Amino acid sequence: TNNVFQFAPNDLERVIHLSEEQGDGAGFDIMSLNQDGTDRYIEVKTTQGGVDTPFYMTENERAYFELNRYENSSFIYRVFNFDVNTRMGNIIVISAEELFSRYSFDPVSYKVSRMY
């Protein structure tokens, strides 16, 4: 199959690295495009370990993916075996639906605030 996408020049203007432009509050890092021109929401998770190495998500990211679980527009781009020297690694793409059907979530931290 041909994996080269053909986009019109103005389509590339719709690709936004949201976490750089607006911070981490959106629940995903990048707003991109599917081949048919519809929106694709991408969260990138990188580890130096193998594909089975746990990765971390914020509650905001988890909630975003749960809300969009069946929309087929939100994906984790899971970069693993990442080499910091060559800046290369392997990648798999995990849909929001697959994230909740094939992965488990373990709470590992708490936000602790002083009560008045």
PDB file of N, CA and C in Angstrom:
ATOM      1  N   THR A   1       0.836  -1.198   0.000  1.00  0.00           N
ATOM      2  CA  THR A   1       0.000   0.000   0.000  1.00  0.00           C
ATOM      3  C   THR A   1       0.868   1.242   0.000  1.00  0.00           C
ATOM      4  N   ASN A   2       0.306   2.308  -0.474  1.00  0.00           N
ATOM      5  CA  ASN A   2       1.000   3.584  -0.517  1.00  0.00           C
ATOM      6  C   ASN A   2       0.694   4.355   0.756  1.00  0.00           C
ATOM      7  N   ASN A   3       1.710   4.612   1.596  1.00  0.00           N
ATOM      8  CA  ASN A   3       1.514   5.302   2.859  1.00  0.00           C
ATOM      9  C   ASN A   3       1.782   6.795   2.765  1.00  0.00           C
ATOM     10  N   VAL A   4       1.926   7.312   1.552  1.00  0.00           N
ATOM     11  CA  VAL A   4       2.176   8.736   1.375  1.00  0.00           C
ATOM     12  C   VAL A   4       0.835   9.446   1.280  1.00  0.00           C
ATOM     13  N   PHE A   5       0.637  10.417   2.165  1.00  0.00           N
ATOM     14  CA  PHE A   5      -0.599  11.181   2.162  1.00  0.00           C
ATOM     15  C   PHE A   5      -0.441  12.395   1.272  1.00  0.00           C
ATOM     16  N   GLN A   6      -1.472  12.709   0.546  1.00  0.00           N
ATOM     17  CA  GLN A   6      -1.473  13.900  -0.293  1.00  0.00           C
ATOM     18  C   GLN A   6      -2.341  14.953   0.370  1.00  0.00           C
ATOM     19  N   PHE A   7      -1.733  16.073   0.741  1.00  0.00           N
ATOM     20  CA  PHE A   7      -2.462  17.162   1.384  1.00  0.00           C
ATOM     21  C   PHE A   7      -2.343  18.408   0.526  1.00  0.00           C
ATOM     22  N   ALA A   8      -3.370  19.188   0.554  1.00  0.00           N
ATOM     23  CA  ALA A   8      -3.303  20.500  -0.082  1.00  0.00           C
ATOM     24  C   ALA A   8      -2.435  21.400   0.785  1.00  0.00           C
ATOM     25  N   PRO A   9      -1.764  22.396   0.199  1.00  0.00           N
ATOM     26  CA  PRO A   9      -0.889  23.270   0.998  1.00  0.00           C
ATOM     27  C   PRO A   9      -1.584  23.894   2.205  1.00  0.00           C
ATOM     28  N   ASN A  10      -2.848  24.277   2.081  1.00  0.00           N
ATOM     29  CA  ASN A  10      -3.527  24.893   3.225  1.00  0.00           C
ATOM     30  C   ASN A  10      -3.870  23.873   4.308  1.00  0.00           C
ATOM     31  N   ASP A  11      -3.881  22.562   3.979  1.00  0.00           N
ATOM     32  CA  ASP A  11      -4.109  21.538   4.999  1.00  0.00           C
ATOM     33  C   ASP A  11      -2.995  21.544   6.037  1.00  0.00           C
ATOM     34  N   LEU A  12      -1.764  21.776   5.594  1.00  0.00           N
ATOM     35  CA  LEU A  12      -0.630  21.760   6.520  1.00  0.00           C
ATOM     36  C   LEU A  12      -0.731  22.883   7.536  1.00  0.00           C
ATOM     37  N   GLU A  13      -1.443  23.940   7.213  1.00  0.00           N
ATOM     38  CA  GLU A  13      -1.651  25.028   8.168  1.00  0.00           C
ATOM     39  C   GLU A  13      -2.550  24.581   9.317  1.00  0.00           C
ATOM     40  N   ARG A  14      -3.308  23.498   9.114  1.00  0.00           N
ATOM     41  CA  ARG A  14      -4.202  22.986  10.155  1.00  0.00           C
ATOM     42  C   ARG A  14      -3.481  22.093  11.156  1.00  0.00           C
ATOM     43  N   VAL A  15      -2.228  21.678  10.874  1.00  0.00           N
ATOM     44  CA  VAL A  15      -1.454  20.857  11.797  1.00  0.00           C
ATOM     45  C   VAL A  15      -0.878  21.776  12.864  1.00  0.00           C
ATOM     46  N   ILE A  16      -1.230  21.514  14.112  1.00  0.00           N
ATOM     47  CA  ILE A  16      -0.850  22.399  15.213  1.00  0.00           C
ATOM     48  C   ILE A  16      -0.189  21.576  16.310  1.00  0.00           C
ATOM     49  N   HIS A  17       0.999  22.009  16.757  1.00  0.00           N
ATOM     50  CA  HIS A  17       1.638  21.398  17.925  1.00  0.00           C
ATOM     51  C   HIS A  17       1.058  22.117  19.140  1.00  0.00           C
ATOM     52  N   LEU A  18      -0.102  21.655  19.571  1.00  0.00           N
ATOM     53  CA  LEU A  18      -0.895  22.347  20.573  1.00  0.00           C
ATOM     54  C   LEU A  18      -0.173  22.493  21.897  1.00  0.00           C
ATOM     55  N   SER A  19       0.548  21.464  22.326  1.00  0.00           N
ATOM     56  CA  SER A  19       1.205  21.552  23.632  1.00  0.00           C
ATOM     57  C   SER A  19       2.277  22.639  23.638  1.00  0.00           C
ATOM     58  N   GLU A  20       2.889  22.924  22.488  1.00  0.00           N
ATOM     59  CA  GLU A  20       3.858  24.021  22.420  1.00  0.00           C
ATOM     60  C   GLU A  20       3.171  25.371  22.405  1.00  0.00           C
ATOM     61  N   GLU A  21       2.039  25.456  21.700  1.00  0.00           N
ATOM     62  CA  GLU A  21       1.370  26.744  21.528  1.00  0.00           C
ATOM     63  C   GLU A  21       0.454  27.120  22.683  1.00  0.00           C
ATOM     64  N   GLN A  22      -0.193  26.108  23.310  1.00  0.00           N
ATOM     65  CA  GLN A  22      -1.197  26.412  24.324  1.00  0.00           C
ATOM     66  C   GLN A  22      -0.953  25.711  25.651  1.00  0.00           C
ATOM     67  N   GLY A  23       0.124  24.945  25.777  1.00  0.00           N
ATOM     68  CA  GLY A  23       0.367  24.208  27.011  1.00  0.00           C
ATOM     69  C   GLY A  23      -0.278  22.835  26.967  1.00  0.00           C
ATOM     70  N   ASP A  24      -0.280  22.145  28.095  1.00  0.00           N
ATOM     71  CA  ASP A  24      -0.731  20.754  28.154  1.00  0.00           C
ATOM     72  C   ASP A  24      -2.192  20.583  28.537  1.00  0.00           C
ATOM     73  N   GLY A  25      -2.981  21.627  28.557  1.00  0.00           N
ATOM     74  CA  GLY A  25      -4.347  21.529  29.052  1.00  0.00           C
ATOM     75  C   GLY A  25      -5.351  20.875  28.131  1.00  0.00           C
ATOM     76  N   ALA A  26      -5.032  20.674  26.858  1.00  0.00           N
ATOM     77  CA  ALA A  26      -6.012  20.161  25.907  1.00  0.00           C
ATOM     78  C   ALA A  26      -6.254  18.666  26.039  1.00  0.00           C
ATOM     79  N   GLY A  27      -5.306  17.912  26.607  1.00  0.00           N
ATOM     80  CA  GLY A  27      -5.448  16.464  26.700  1.00  0.00           C
ATOM     81  C   GLY A  27      -4.761  15.731  25.568  1.00  0.00           C
ATOM     82  N   PHE A  28      -4.161  16.461  24.635  1.00  0.00           N
ATOM     83  CA  PHE A  28      -3.397  15.871  23.539  1.00  0.00           C
ATOM     84  C   PHE A  28      -2.330  16.872  23.119  1.00  0.00           C
ATOM     85  N   ASP A  29      -1.315  16.391  22.394  1.00  0.00           N
ATOM     86  CA  ASP A  29      -0.184  17.237  22.015  1.00  0.00           C
ATOM     87  C   ASP A  29      -0.338  17.919  20.656  1.00  0.00           C
ATOM     88  N   ILE A  30      -0.848  17.176  19.688  1.00  0.00           N
ATOM     89  CA  ILE A  30      -0.834  17.638  18.295  1.00  0.00           C
ATOM     90  C   ILE A  30      -2.203  17.449  17.673  1.00  0.00           C
ATOM     91  N   MET A  31      -2.684  18.477  16.980  1.00  0.00           N
ATOM     92  CA  MET A  31      -3.880  18.341  16.155  1.00  0.00           C
ATOM     93  C   MET A  31      -3.400  18.225  14.718  1.00  0.00           C
ATOM     94  N   SER A  32      -3.686  17.102  14.085  1.00  0.00           N
ATOM     95  CA  SER A  32      -3.213  16.818  12.740  1.00  0.00           C
ATOM     96  C   SER A  32      -4.399  16.462  11.856  1.00  0.00           C
ATOM     97  N   LEU A  33      -4.128  15.762  10.766  1.00  0.00           N
ATOM     98  CA  LEU A  33      -5.176  15.407   9.807  1.00  0.00           C
ATOM     99  C   LEU A  33      -5.125  13.927   9.482  1.00  0.00           C
ATOM    100  N   ASN A  34      -6.300  13.340   9.296  1.00  0.00           N
ATOM    101  CA  ASN A  34      -6.390  12.013   8.717  1.00  0.00           C
ATOM    102  C   ASN A  34      -6.261  12.169   7.212  1.00  0.00           C
ATOM    103  N   GLN A  35      -6.085  11.054   6.519  1.00  0.00           N
ATOM    104  CA  GLN A  35      -5.917  11.095   5.071  1.00  0.00           C
ATOM    105  C   GLN A  35      -7.133  11.722   4.382  1.00  0.00           C
ATOM    106  N   ASP A  36      -8.319  11.559   4.986  1.00  0.00           N
ATOM    107  CA  ASP A  36      -9.527  12.120   4.374  1.00  0.00           C
ATOM    108  C   ASP A  36      -9.748  13.586   4.748  1.00  0.00           C
ATOM    109  N   GLY A  37      -8.807  14.185   5.474  1.00  0.00           N
ATOM    110  CA  GLY A  37      -8.899  15.600   5.821  1.00  0.00           C
ATOM    111  C   GLY A  37      -9.583  15.886   7.138  1.00  0.00           C
ATOM    112  N   THR A  38     -10.123  14.850   7.818  1.00  0.00           N
ATOM    113  CA  THR A  38     -10.744  15.055   9.124  1.00  0.00           C
ATOM    114  C   THR A  38      -9.658  15.220  10.188  1.00  0.00           C
ATOM    115  N   ASP A  39     -10.047  15.769  11.320  1.00  0.00           N
ATOM    116  CA  ASP A  39      -9.081  16.032  12.388  1.00  0.00           C
ATOM    117  C   ASP A  39      -8.587  14.743  13.033  1.00  0.00           C
ATOM    118  N   ARG A  40      -7.318  14.747  13.431  1.00  0.00           N
ATOM    119  CA  ARG A  40      -6.690  13.653  14.173  1.00  0.00           C
ATOM    120  C   ARG A  40      -5.987  14.284  15.368  1.00  0.00           C
ATOM    121  N   TYR A  41      -6.278  13.773  16.566  1.00  0.00           N
ATOM    122  CA  TYR A  41      -5.714  14.295  17.806  1.00  0.00           C
ATOM    123  C   TYR A  41      -4.688  13.295  18.317  1.00  0.00           C
ATOM    124  N   ILE A  42      -3.471  13.765  18.552  1.00  0.00           N
ATOM    125  CA  ILE A  42      -2.346  12.888  18.863  1.00  0.00           C
ATOM    126  C   ILE A  42      -1.722  13.274  20.203  1.00  0.00           C
ATOM    127  N   GLU A  43      -1.533  12.272  21.042  1.00  0.00           N
ATOM    128  CA  GLU A  43      -0.749  12.418  22.267  1.00  0.00           C
ATOM    129  C   GLU A  43       0.481  11.534  22.090  1.00  0.00           C
ATOM    130  N   VAL A  44       1.675  12.077  22.279  1.00  0.00           N
ATOM    131  CA  VAL A  44       2.916  11.331  22.107  1.00  0.00           C
ATOM    132  C   VAL A  44       3.436  10.908  23.475  1.00  0.00           C
ATOM    133  N   LYS A  45       3.732   9.619  23.612  1.00  0.00           N
ATOM    134  CA  LYS A  45       4.292   9.068  24.849  1.00  0.00           C
ATOM    135  C   LYS A  45       5.564   8.315  24.501  1.00  0.00           C
ATOM    136  N   THR A  46       6.682   8.699  25.128  1.00  0.00           N
ATOM    137  CA  THR A  46       7.989   8.158  24.779  1.00  0.00           C
ATOM    138  C   THR A  46       8.668   7.538  25.993  1.00  0.00           C
ATOM    139  N   THR A  47       9.261   6.350  25.787  1.00  0.00           N
ATOM    140  CA  THR A  47      10.087   5.718  26.811  1.00  0.00           C
ATOM    141  C   THR A  47      11.332   5.140  26.157  1.00  0.00           C
ATOM    142  N   GLN A  48      12.388   5.025  26.942  1.00  0.00           N
ATOM    143  CA  GLN A  48      13.610   4.397  26.450  1.00  0.00           C
ATOM    144  C   GLN A  48      13.482   2.875  26.468  1.00  0.00           C
ATOM    145  N   GLY A  49      12.581   2.350  27.293  1.00  0.00           N
ATOM    146  CA  GLY A  49      12.376   0.908  27.385  1.00  0.00           C
ATOM    147  C   GLY A  49      11.540   0.384  26.225  1.00  0.00           C
ATOM    148  N   GLY A  50      11.298  -0.924  26.268  1.00  0.00           N
ATOM    149  CA  GLY A  50      10.547  -1.597  25.212  1.00  0.00           C
ATOM    150  C   GLY A  50       9.078  -1.223  25.186  1.00  0.00           C
ATOM    151  N   VAL A  51       8.362  -1.836  24.267  1.00  0.00           N
ATOM    152  CA  VAL A  51       6.953  -1.511  24.036  1.00  0.00           C
ATOM    153  C   VAL A  51       6.085  -1.764  25.268  1.00  0.00           C
ATOM    154  N   ASP A  52       6.500  -2.689  26.138  1.00  0.00           N
ATOM    155  CA  ASP A  52       5.715  -2.999  27.335  1.00  0.00           C
ATOM    156  C   ASP A  52       6.088  -2.146  28.542  1.00  0.00           C
ATOM    157  N   THR A  53       7.019  -1.210  28.373  1.00  0.00           N
ATOM    158  CA  THR A  53       7.377  -0.295  29.459  1.00  0.00           C
ATOM    159  C   THR A  53       6.190   0.625  29.741  1.00  0.00           C
ATOM    160  N   PRO A  54       5.767   0.728  30.999  1.00  0.00           N
ATOM    161  CA  PRO A  54       4.650   1.639  31.304  1.00  0.00           C
ATOM    162  C   PRO A  54       4.993   3.078  30.922  1.00  0.00           C
ATOM    163  N   PHE A  55       3.968   3.823  30.554  1.00  0.00           N
ATOM    164  CA  PHE A  55       4.128   5.252  30.296  1.00  0.00           C
ATOM    165  C   PHE A  55       3.114   5.988  31.154  1.00  0.00           C
ATOM    166  N   TYR A  56       3.292   7.280  31.286  1.00  0.00           N
ATOM    167  CA  TYR A  56       2.458   8.065  32.193  1.00  0.00           C
ATOM    168  C   TYR A  56       1.537   8.995  31.423  1.00  0.00           C
ATOM    169  N   MET A  57       0.326   9.147  31.944  1.00  0.00           N
ATOM    170  CA  MET A  57      -0.655  10.082  31.408  1.00  0.00           C
ATOM    171  C   MET A  57      -1.170  10.930  32.563  1.00  0.00           C
ATOM    172  N   THR A  58      -1.492  12.169  32.275  1.00  0.00           N
ATOM    173  CA  THR A  58      -2.135  12.990  33.291  1.00  0.00           C
ATOM    174  C   THR A  58      -3.609  12.613  33.364  1.00  0.00           C
ATOM    175  N   GLU A  59      -4.265  13.007  34.418  1.00  0.00           N
ATOM    176  CA  GLU A  59      -5.707  12.772  34.535  1.00  0.00           C
ATOM    177  C   GLU A  59      -6.440  13.486  33.404  1.00  0.00           C
ATOM    178  N   ASN A  60      -5.987  14.665  33.042  1.00  0.00           N
ATOM    179  CA  ASN A  60      -6.604  15.414  31.950  1.00  0.00           C
ATOM    180  C   ASN A  60      -6.494  14.644  30.625  1.00  0.00           C
ATOM    181  N   GLU A  61      -5.335  14.058  30.350  1.00  0.00           N
ATOM    182  CA  GLU A  61      -5.161  13.260  29.134  1.00  0.00           C
ATOM    183  C   GLU A  61      -6.065  12.032  29.159  1.00  0.00           C
ATOM    184  N   ARG A  62      -6.079  11.326  30.301  1.00  0.00           N
ATOM    185  CA  ARG A  62      -6.926  10.134  30.416  1.00  0.00           C
ATOM    186  C   ARG A  62      -8.384  10.479  30.198  1.00  0.00           C
ATOM    187  N   ALA A  63      -8.844  11.559  30.813  1.00  0.00           N
ATOM    188  CA  ALA A  63     -10.244  11.975  30.680  1.00  0.00           C
ATOM    189  C   ALA A  63     -10.564  12.347  29.237  1.00  0.00           C
ATOM    190  N   TYR A  64      -9.646  13.043  28.562  1.00  0.00           N
ATOM    191  CA  TYR A  64      -9.867  13.405  27.160  1.00  0.00           C
ATOM    192  C   TYR A  64     -10.040  12.146  26.306  1.00  0.00           C
ATOM    193  N   PHE A  65      -9.138  11.174  26.483  1.00  0.00           N
ATOM    194  CA  PHE A  65      -9.217   9.957  25.678  1.00  0.00           C
ATOM    195  C   PHE A  65     -10.454   9.137  26.021  1.00  0.00           C
ATOM    196  N   GLU A  66     -10.865   9.141  27.271  1.00  0.00           N
ATOM    197  CA  GLU A  66     -12.087   8.419  27.635  1.00  0.00           C
ATOM    198  C   GLU A  66     -13.304   9.081  27.000  1.00  0.00           C
ATOM    199  N   LEU A  67     -13.346  10.391  27.024  1.00  0.00           N
ATOM    200  CA  LEU A  67     -14.456  11.126  26.414  1.00  0.00           C
ATOM    201  C   LEU A  67     -14.532  10.875  24.910  1.00  0.00           C
ATOM    202  N   ASN A  68     -13.393  10.676  24.271  1.00  0.00           N
ATOM    203  CA  ASN A  68     -13.337  10.492  22.820  1.00  0.00           C
ATOM    204  C   ASN A  68     -13.035   9.047  22.425  1.00  0.00           C
ATOM    205  N   ARG A  69     -13.364   8.139  23.290  1.00  0.00           N
ATOM    206  CA  ARG A  69     -13.035   6.727  23.133  1.00  0.00           C
ATOM    207  C   ARG A  69     -13.542   6.121  21.822  1.00  0.00           C
ATOM    208  N   TYR A  70     -14.721   6.481  21.392  1.00  0.00           N
ATOM    209  CA  TYR A  70     -15.328   5.850  20.217  1.00  0.00           C
ATOM    210  C   TYR A  70     -15.372   6.761  18.994  1.00  0.00           C
ATOM    211  N   GLU A  71     -14.667   7.880  19.032  1.00  0.00           N
ATOM    212  CA  GLU A  71     -14.708   8.842  17.932  1.00  0.00           C
ATOM    213  C   GLU A  71     -13.770   8.479  16.782  1.00  0.00           C
ATOM    214  N   ASN A  72     -12.820   7.588  17.008  1.00  0.00           N
ATOM    215  CA  ASN A  72     -11.826   7.194  16.007  1.00  0.00           C
ATOM    216  C   ASN A  72     -11.043   8.389  15.466  1.00  0.00           C
ATOM    217  N   SER A  73     -10.761   9.342  16.355  1.00  0.00           N
ATOM    218  CA  SER A  73      -9.993  10.518  15.945  1.00  0.00           C
ATOM    219  C   SER A  73      -8.858  10.837  16.906  1.00  0.00           C
ATOM    220  N   SER A  74      -8.732  10.078  18.004  1.00  0.00           N
ATOM    221  CA  SER A  74      -7.724  10.357  19.032  1.00  0.00           C
ATOM    222  C   SER A  74      -6.806   9.152  19.198  1.00  0.00           C
ATOM    223  N   PHE A  75      -5.488   9.423  19.190  1.00  0.00           N
ATOM    224  CA  PHE A  75      -4.510   8.345  19.169  1.00  0.00           C
ATOM    225  C   PHE A  75      -3.306   8.664  20.045  1.00  0.00           C
ATOM    226  N   ILE A  76      -2.770   7.617  20.668  1.00  0.00           N
ATOM    227  CA  ILE A  76      -1.478   7.698  21.345  1.00  0.00           C
ATOM    228  C   ILE A  76      -0.438   7.244  20.321  1.00  0.00           C
ATOM    229  N   TYR A  77       0.557   8.071  20.089  1.00  0.00           N
ATOM    230  CA  TYR A  77       1.714   7.656  19.295  1.00  0.00           C
ATOM    231  C   TYR A  77       2.767   7.238  20.317  1.00  0.00           C
ATOM    232  N   ARG A  78       2.905   5.936  20.482  1.00  0.00           N
ATOM    233  CA  ARG A  78       3.739   5.338  21.525  1.00  0.00           C
ATOM    234  C   ARG A  78       5.130   5.096  20.970  1.00  0.00           C
ATOM    235  N   VAL A  79       6.076   5.961  21.346  1.00  0.00           N
ATOM    236  CA  VAL A  79       7.469   5.828  20.929  1.00  0.00           C
ATOM    237  C   VAL A  79       8.197   5.037  22.018  1.00  0.00           C
ATOM    238  N   PHE A  80       8.863   3.944  21.628  1.00  0.00           N
ATOM    239  CA  PHE A  80       9.569   3.107  22.591  1.00  0.00           C
ATOM    240  C   PHE A  80      10.952   2.771  22.033  1.00  0.00           C
ATOM    241  N   ASN A  81      11.796   2.184  22.877  1.00  0.00           N
ATOM    242  CA  ASN A  81      13.193   1.939  22.504  1.00  0.00           C
ATOM    243  C   ASN A  81      13.847   3.235  22.006  1.00  0.00           C
ATOM    244  N   PHE A  82      13.493   4.338  22.652  1.00  0.00           N
ATOM    245  CA  PHE A  82      14.003   5.639  22.215  1.00  0.00           C
ATOM    246  C   PHE A  82      15.459   5.801  22.645  1.00  0.00           C
ATOM    247  N   ASP A  83      16.310   6.145  21.685  1.00  0.00           N
ATOM    248  CA  ASP A  83      17.727   6.387  21.939  1.00  0.00           C
ATOM    249  C   ASP A  83      17.943   7.893  21.975  1.00  0.00           C
ATOM    250  N   VAL A  84      18.324   8.419  23.137  1.00  0.00           N
ATOM    251  CA  VAL A  84      18.465   9.867  23.288  1.00  0.00           C
ATOM    252  C   VAL A  84      19.606  10.421  22.440  1.00  0.00           C
ATOM    253  N   ASN A  85      20.598   9.606  22.129  1.00  0.00           N
ATOM    254  CA  ASN A  85      21.720  10.081  21.324  1.00  0.00           C
ATOM    255  C   ASN A  85      21.353  10.214  19.848  1.00  0.00           C
ATOM    256  N   THR A  86      20.698   9.212  19.302  1.00  0.00           N
ATOM    257  CA  THR A  86      20.324   9.261  17.880  1.00  0.00           C
ATOM    258  C   THR A  86      18.959   9.903  17.678  1.00  0.00           C
ATOM    259  N   ARG A  87      18.201  10.069  18.778  1.00  0.00           N
ATOM    260  CA  ARG A  87      16.841  10.602  18.744  1.00  0.00           C
ATOM    261  C   ARG A  87      15.937   9.749  17.837  1.00  0.00           C
ATOM    262  N   MET A  88      16.136   8.439  17.899  1.00  0.00           N
ATOM    263  CA  MET A  88      15.343   7.504  17.110  1.00  0.00           C
ATOM    264  C   MET A  88      14.742   6.453  18.030  1.00  0.00           C
ATOM    265  N   GLY A  89      13.622   5.887  17.592  1.00  0.00           N
ATOM    266  CA  GLY A  89      12.961   4.835  18.336  1.00  0.00           C
ATOM    267  C   GLY A  89      11.950   4.138  17.447  1.00  0.00           C
ATOM    268  N   ASN A  90      11.219   3.213  18.042  1.00  0.00           N
ATOM    269  CA  ASN A  90      10.134   2.522  17.346  1.00  0.00           C
ATOM    270  C   ASN A  90       8.825   3.170  17.732  1.00  0.00           C
ATOM    271  N   ILE A  91       7.786   2.939  16.932  1.00  0.00           N
ATOM    272  CA  ILE A  91       6.501   3.567  17.218  1.00  0.00           C
ATOM    273  C   ILE A  91       5.353   2.610  16.904  1.00  0.00           C
ATOM    274  N   ILE A  92       4.352   2.647  17.777  1.00  0.00           N
ATOM    275  CA  ILE A  92       3.068   2.027  17.488  1.00  0.00           C
ATOM    276  C   ILE A  92       2.004   3.100  17.714  1.00  0.00           C
ATOM    277  N   VAL A  93       0.877   2.946  17.055  1.00  0.00           N
ATOM    278  CA  VAL A  93      -0.235   3.884  17.204  1.00  0.00           C
ATOM    279  C   VAL A  93      -1.359   3.153  17.920  1.00  0.00           C
ATOM    280  N   ILE A  94      -1.832   3.752  19.014  1.00  0.00           N
ATOM    281  CA  ILE A  94      -2.878   3.157  19.851  1.00  0.00           C
ATOM    282  C   ILE A  94      -4.109   4.050  19.776  1.00  0.00           C
ATOM    283  N   SER A  95      -5.229   3.496  19.338  1.00  0.00           N
ATOM    284  CA  SER A  95      -6.474   4.273  19.300  1.00  0.00           C
ATOM    285  C   SER A  95      -7.001   4.473  20.715  1.00  0.00           C
ATOM    286  N   ALA A  96      -7.860   5.463  20.881  1.00  0.00           N
ATOM    287  CA  ALA A  96      -8.471   5.704  22.194  1.00  0.00           C
ATOM    288  C   ALA A  96      -9.241   4.473  22.654  1.00  0.00           C
ATOM    289  N   GLU A  97      -9.953   3.827  21.747  1.00  0.00           N
ATOM    290  CA  GLU A  97     -10.713   2.630  22.116  1.00  0.00           C
ATOM    291  C   GLU A  97      -9.781   1.511  22.578  1.00  0.00           C
ATOM    292  N   GLU A  98      -8.676   1.300  21.865  1.00  0.00           N
ATOM    293  CA  GLU A  98      -7.710   0.274  22.252  1.00  0.00           C
ATOM    294  C   GLU A  98      -7.048   0.611  23.583  1.00  0.00           C
ATOM    295  N   LEU A  99      -6.815   1.887  23.827  1.00  0.00           N
ATOM    296  CA  LEU A  99      -6.206   2.319  25.083  1.00  0.00           C
ATOM    297  C   LEU A  99      -7.006   1.810  26.280  1.00  0.00           C
ATOM    298  N   PHE A 100      -8.334   1.863  26.190  1.00  0.00           N
ATOM    299  CA  PHE A 100      -9.172   1.455  27.320  1.00  0.00           C
ATOM    300  C   PHE A 100      -9.511  -0.033  27.310  1.00  0.00           C
ATOM    301  N   SER A 101      -9.333  -0.705  26.176  1.00  0.00           N
ATOM    302  CA  SER A 101      -9.652  -2.130  26.147  1.00  0.00           C
ATOM    303  C   SER A 101      -8.423  -3.020  26.357  1.00  0.00           C
ATOM    304  N   ARG A 102      -7.218  -2.496  26.090  1.00  0.00           N
ATOM    305  CA  ARG A 102      -6.021  -3.343  26.159  1.00  0.00           C
ATOM    306  C   ARG A 102      -4.972  -2.862  27.152  1.00  0.00           C
ATOM    307  N   TYR A 103      -5.229  -1.744  27.827  1.00  0.00           N
ATOM    308  CA  TYR A 103      -4.258  -1.186  28.766  1.00  0.00           C
ATOM    309  C   TYR A 103      -4.948  -0.937  30.107  1.00  0.00           C
ATOM    310  N   SER A 104      -4.177  -1.020  31.191  1.00  0.00           N
ATOM    311  CA  SER A 104      -4.739  -0.733  32.516  1.00  0.00           C
ATOM    312  C   SER A 104      -4.161   0.580  33.023  1.00  0.00           C
ATOM    313  N   PHE A 105      -4.926   1.241  33.845  1.00  0.00           N
ATOM    314  CA  PHE A 105      -4.543   2.526  34.437  1.00  0.00           C
ATOM    315  C   PHE A 105      -4.365   2.340  35.932  1.00  0.00           C
ATOM    316  N   ASP A 106      -3.197   2.681  36.429  1.00  0.00           N
ATOM    317  CA  ASP A 106      -2.905   2.581  37.849  1.00  0.00           C
ATOM    318  C   ASP A 106      -2.581   3.977  38.372  1.00  0.00           C
ATOM    319  N   PRO A 107      -3.392   4.499  39.308  1.00  0.00           N
ATOM    320  CA  PRO A 107      -3.066   5.826  39.863  1.00  0.00           C
ATOM    321  C   PRO A 107      -1.768   5.741  40.657  1.00  0.00           C
ATOM    322  N   VAL A 108      -0.848   6.663  40.367  1.00  0.00           N
ATOM    323  CA  VAL A 108       0.454   6.595  41.020  1.00  0.00           C
ATOM    324  C   VAL A 108       0.855   7.878  41.735  1.00  0.00           C
ATOM    325  N   SER A 109       0.039   8.919  41.652  1.00  0.00           N
ATOM    326  CA  SER A 109       0.390  10.148  42.366  1.00  0.00           C
ATOM    327  C   SER A 109      -0.878  10.912  42.730  1.00  0.00           C
ATOM    328  N   TYR A 110      -0.721  11.827  43.663  1.00  0.00           N
ATOM    329  CA  TYR A 110      -1.825  12.649  44.127  1.00  0.00           C
ATOM    330  C   TYR A 110      -1.397  14.095  44.153  1.00  0.00           C
ATOM    331  N   LYS A 111      -2.313  14.974  43.884  1.00  0.00           N
ATOM    332  CA  LYS A 111      -2.093  16.388  44.110  1.00  0.00           C
ATOM    333  C   LYS A 111      -2.561  16.677  45.524  1.00  0.00           C
ATOM    334  N   VAL A 112      -1.671  17.191  46.339  1.00  0.00           N
ATOM    335  CA  VAL A 112      -1.977  17.431  47.745  1.00  0.00           C
ATOM    336  C   VAL A 112      -1.963  18.937  47.983  1.00  0.00           C
ATOM    337  N   SER A 113      -3.081  19.451  48.478  1.00  0.00           N
ATOM    338  CA  SER A 113      -3.200  20.888  48.749  1.00  0.00           C
ATOM    339  C   SER A 113      -3.537  21.111  50.217  1.00  0.00           C
ATOM    340  N   ARG A 114      -3.055  22.183  50.738  1.00  0.00           N
ATOM    341  CA  ARG A 114      -3.361  22.546  52.131  1.00  0.00           C
ATOM    342  C   ARG A 114      -4.821  22.962  52.233  1.00  0.00           C
ATOM    343  N   MET A 115      -5.489  22.473  53.251  1.00  0.00           N
ATOM    344  CA  MET A 115      -6.898  22.825  53.468  1.00  0.00           C
ATOM    345  C   MET A 115      -6.969  23.978  54.451  1.00  0.00           C
ATOM    346  N   TYR A 116      -7.921  24.881  54.244  1.00  0.00           N
ATOM    347  CA  TYR A 116      -8.114  26.020  55.154  1.00  0.00           C
ATOM    348  C   TYR A 116      -9.456  25.934  55.822  1.00  0.00           C
TER     349      TYR A 116
END
